[in-house]
Amino acid sequence: FLHLGIPLQQVIAMVTRNAVKALSGKIPQPTLTIFSVEEGDYPLSDVDGVIRRASQRILPLAVFTNGQPSPCYGLQYNSDAAERLARTLQSASDY
């Protein structure tokens, strides 16, 4: 959706709040997703197998449900983002 020119804020609403409303109307449990928007050259494939190139992607870094970490594999692919997230979480816990 970013590649199609939709603003980030609208993309996030599309895959969170709007998706929940469309599926059930209720959020099942409190969930927090921490993500990074990365710049680069990323291949996107459509249903016909046509490849397009995107300059950005959204990479989930961590997911918490009811305050507990849930499986999320984004950090396995980006050690720099993992280190930044760890420092940020540590700084926040110091308050």
C-alpha atoms as a PDB file:
ATOM      1  CA  PHE A   1       0.000   0.000   0.000  1.00  0.00           C
ATOM      2  CA  LEU A   2       2.924   2.345   0.646  1.00  0.00           C
ATOM      3  CA  HIS A   3       4.137   1.588  -2.887  1.00  0.00           C
ATOM      4  CA  LEU A   4       0.732   2.641  -4.217  1.00  0.00           C
ATOM      5  CA  GLY A   5       1.180   6.056  -2.604  1.00  0.00           C
ATOM      6  CA  ILE A   6      -1.106   5.635   0.393  1.00  0.00           C
ATOM      7  CA  PRO A   7       0.224   7.595   3.417  1.00  0.00           C
ATOM      8  CA  LEU A   8       1.736   5.531   6.254  1.00  0.00           C
ATOM      9  CA  GLN A   9      -0.932   6.603   8.774  1.00  0.00           C
ATOM     10  CA  GLN A  10      -3.685   5.390   6.447  1.00  0.00           C
ATOM     11  CA  VAL A  11      -1.861   2.105   5.728  1.00  0.00           C
ATOM     12  CA  ILE A  12      -1.598   1.414   9.475  1.00  0.00           C
ATOM     13  CA  ALA A  13      -5.323   2.127   9.931  1.00  0.00           C
ATOM     14  CA  MET A  14      -6.139  -0.201   7.023  1.00  0.00           C
ATOM     15  CA  VAL A  15      -4.347  -3.172   8.588  1.00  0.00           C
ATOM     16  CA  THR A  16      -5.358  -2.517  12.202  1.00  0.00           C
ATOM     17  CA  ARG A  17      -8.467  -0.568  13.191  1.00  0.00           C
ATOM     18  CA  ASN A  18     -10.280  -0.935   9.864  1.00  0.00           C
ATOM     19  CA  ALA A  19      -9.480  -4.646   9.609  1.00  0.00           C
ATOM     20  CA  VAL A  20     -10.836  -5.296  13.106  1.00  0.00           C
ATOM     21  CA  LYS A  21     -14.035  -3.382  12.320  1.00  0.00           C
ATOM     22  CA  ALA A  22     -14.511  -5.328   9.104  1.00  0.00           C
ATOM     23  CA  LEU A  23     -13.895  -8.718  10.704  1.00  0.00           C
ATOM     24  CA  SER A  24     -15.586  -8.513  14.077  1.00  0.00           C
ATOM     25  CA  GLY A  25     -16.159  -4.979  15.233  1.00  0.00           C
ATOM     26  CA  LYS A  26     -14.200  -5.628  18.436  1.00  0.00           C
ATOM     27  CA  ILE A  27     -10.539  -5.745  19.318  1.00  0.00           C
ATOM     28  CA  PRO A  28     -10.018  -9.164  20.959  1.00  0.00           C
ATOM     29  CA  GLN A  29      -7.158  -8.126  23.278  1.00  0.00           C
ATOM     30  CA  PRO A  30      -4.875  -5.169  23.822  1.00  0.00           C
ATOM     31  CA  THR A  31      -2.053  -5.431  21.286  1.00  0.00           C
ATOM     32  CA  LEU A  32       0.950  -3.230  20.535  1.00  0.00           C
ATOM     33  CA  THR A  33       3.096  -3.654  17.432  1.00  0.00           C
ATOM     34  CA  ILE A  34       6.426  -1.892  17.098  1.00  0.00           C
ATOM     35  CA  PHE A  35       7.590  -1.548  13.520  1.00  0.00           C
ATOM     36  CA  SER A  36      10.210   0.097  11.358  1.00  0.00           C
ATOM     37  CA  VAL A  37       9.732   1.682   7.941  1.00  0.00           C
ATOM     38  CA  GLU A  38      12.815   0.759   5.944  1.00  0.00           C
ATOM     39  CA  GLU A  39      14.171   2.362   2.792  1.00  0.00           C
ATOM     40  CA  GLY A  40      15.638   0.086   0.144  1.00  0.00           C
ATOM     41  CA  ASP A  41      14.815  -1.844  -3.006  1.00  0.00           C
ATOM     42  CA  TYR A  42      12.203  -4.519  -2.334  1.00  0.00           C
ATOM     43  CA  PRO A  43      10.542  -6.825  -4.895  1.00  0.00           C
ATOM     44  CA  LEU A  44       6.752  -7.089  -4.795  1.00  0.00           C
ATOM     45  CA  SER A  45       4.905  -9.784  -6.728  1.00  0.00           C
ATOM     46  CA  ASP A  46       1.270  -9.517  -7.761  1.00  0.00           C
ATOM     47  CA  VAL A  47      -1.130 -12.433  -8.319  1.00  0.00           C
ATOM     48  CA  ASP A  48       0.035 -12.758 -11.937  1.00  0.00           C
ATOM     49  CA  GLY A  49       3.677 -13.014 -10.875  1.00  0.00           C
ATOM     50  CA  VAL A  50       4.543  -9.530 -12.149  1.00  0.00           C
ATOM     51  CA  ILE A  51       7.413  -8.102 -10.099  1.00  0.00           C
ATOM     52  CA  ARG A  52       7.459  -4.441  -9.143  1.00  0.00           C
ATOM     53  CA  ARG A  53      10.090  -2.676  -7.049  1.00  0.00           C
ATOM     54  CA  ALA A  54       9.184  -0.784  -3.870  1.00  0.00           C
ATOM     55  CA  SER A  55      11.420   1.758  -2.141  1.00  0.00           C
ATOM     56  CA  GLN A  56       9.955   1.157   1.341  1.00  0.00           C
ATOM     57  CA  ARG A  57       8.702  -1.702   3.460  1.00  0.00           C
ATOM     58  CA  ILE A  58       7.163  -2.017   6.901  1.00  0.00           C
ATOM     59  CA  LEU A  59       9.059  -4.479   9.103  1.00  0.00           C
ATOM     60  CA  PRO A  60       7.392  -5.602  12.352  1.00  0.00           C
ATOM     61  CA  LEU A  61       9.951  -5.619  15.153  1.00  0.00           C
ATOM     62  CA  ALA A  62       7.992  -6.654  18.230  1.00  0.00           C
ATOM     63  CA  VAL A  63       4.423  -7.544  19.160  1.00  0.00           C
ATOM     64  CA  PHE A  64       2.966  -7.420  22.660  1.00  0.00           C
ATOM     65  CA  THR A  65      -0.428  -8.865  23.543  1.00  0.00           C
ATOM     66  CA  ASN A  66      -1.798  -8.109  27.008  1.00  0.00           C
ATOM     67  CA  GLY A  67       1.696  -6.881  27.933  1.00  0.00           C
ATOM     68  CA  GLN A  68       3.388 -10.135  26.950  1.00  0.00           C
ATOM     69  CA  PRO A  69       5.683 -10.539  23.925  1.00  0.00           C
ATOM     70  CA  SER A  70       4.181 -12.516  21.063  1.00  0.00           C
ATOM     71  CA  PRO A  71       6.135 -14.252  18.291  1.00  0.00           C
ATOM     72  CA  CYS A  72       7.496 -11.732  15.782  1.00  0.00           C
ATOM     73  CA  TYR A  73      10.313 -12.500  13.387  1.00  0.00           C
ATOM     74  CA  GLY A  74      11.195  -9.030  12.083  1.00  0.00           C
ATOM     75  CA  LEU A  75      14.137  -8.610  14.425  1.00  0.00           C
ATOM     76  CA  GLN A  76      15.767 -11.765  13.113  1.00  0.00           C
ATOM     77  CA  TYR A  77      16.211 -10.030   9.768  1.00  0.00           C
ATOM     78  CA  ASN A  78      17.450  -6.661  11.013  1.00  0.00           C
ATOM     79  CA  SER A  79      20.049  -6.640  13.781  1.00  0.00           C
ATOM     80  CA  ASP A  80      20.451  -2.829  13.630  1.00  0.00           C
ATOM     81  CA  ALA A  81      16.738  -2.352  14.267  1.00  0.00           C
ATOM     82  CA  ALA A  82      16.887  -4.940  17.060  1.00  0.00           C
ATOM     83  CA  GLU A  83      19.670  -3.022  18.800  1.00  0.00           C
ATOM     84  CA  ARG A  84      17.857   0.339  18.414  1.00  0.00           C
ATOM     85  CA  LEU A  85      14.652  -1.178  19.809  1.00  0.00           C
ATOM     86  CA  ALA A  86      16.501  -2.688  22.780  1.00  0.00           C
ATOM     87  CA  ARG A  87      18.102   0.693  23.586  1.00  0.00           C
ATOM     88  CA  THR A  88      14.763   2.489  23.252  1.00  0.00           C
ATOM     89  CA  LEU A  89      12.972  -0.007  25.507  1.00  0.00           C
ATOM     90  CA  GLN A  90      15.791   0.222  28.060  1.00  0.00           C
ATOM     91  CA  SER A  91      15.606   4.037  28.039  1.00  0.00           C
ATOM     92  CA  ALA A  92      11.842   3.920  28.511  1.00  0.00           C
ATOM     93  CA  SER A  93      12.166   1.520  31.445  1.00  0.00           C
ATOM     94  CA  ASP A  94      14.561   3.923  33.171  1.00  0.00           C
ATOM     95  CA  TYR A  95      11.712   6.431  33.722  1.00  0.00           C
END
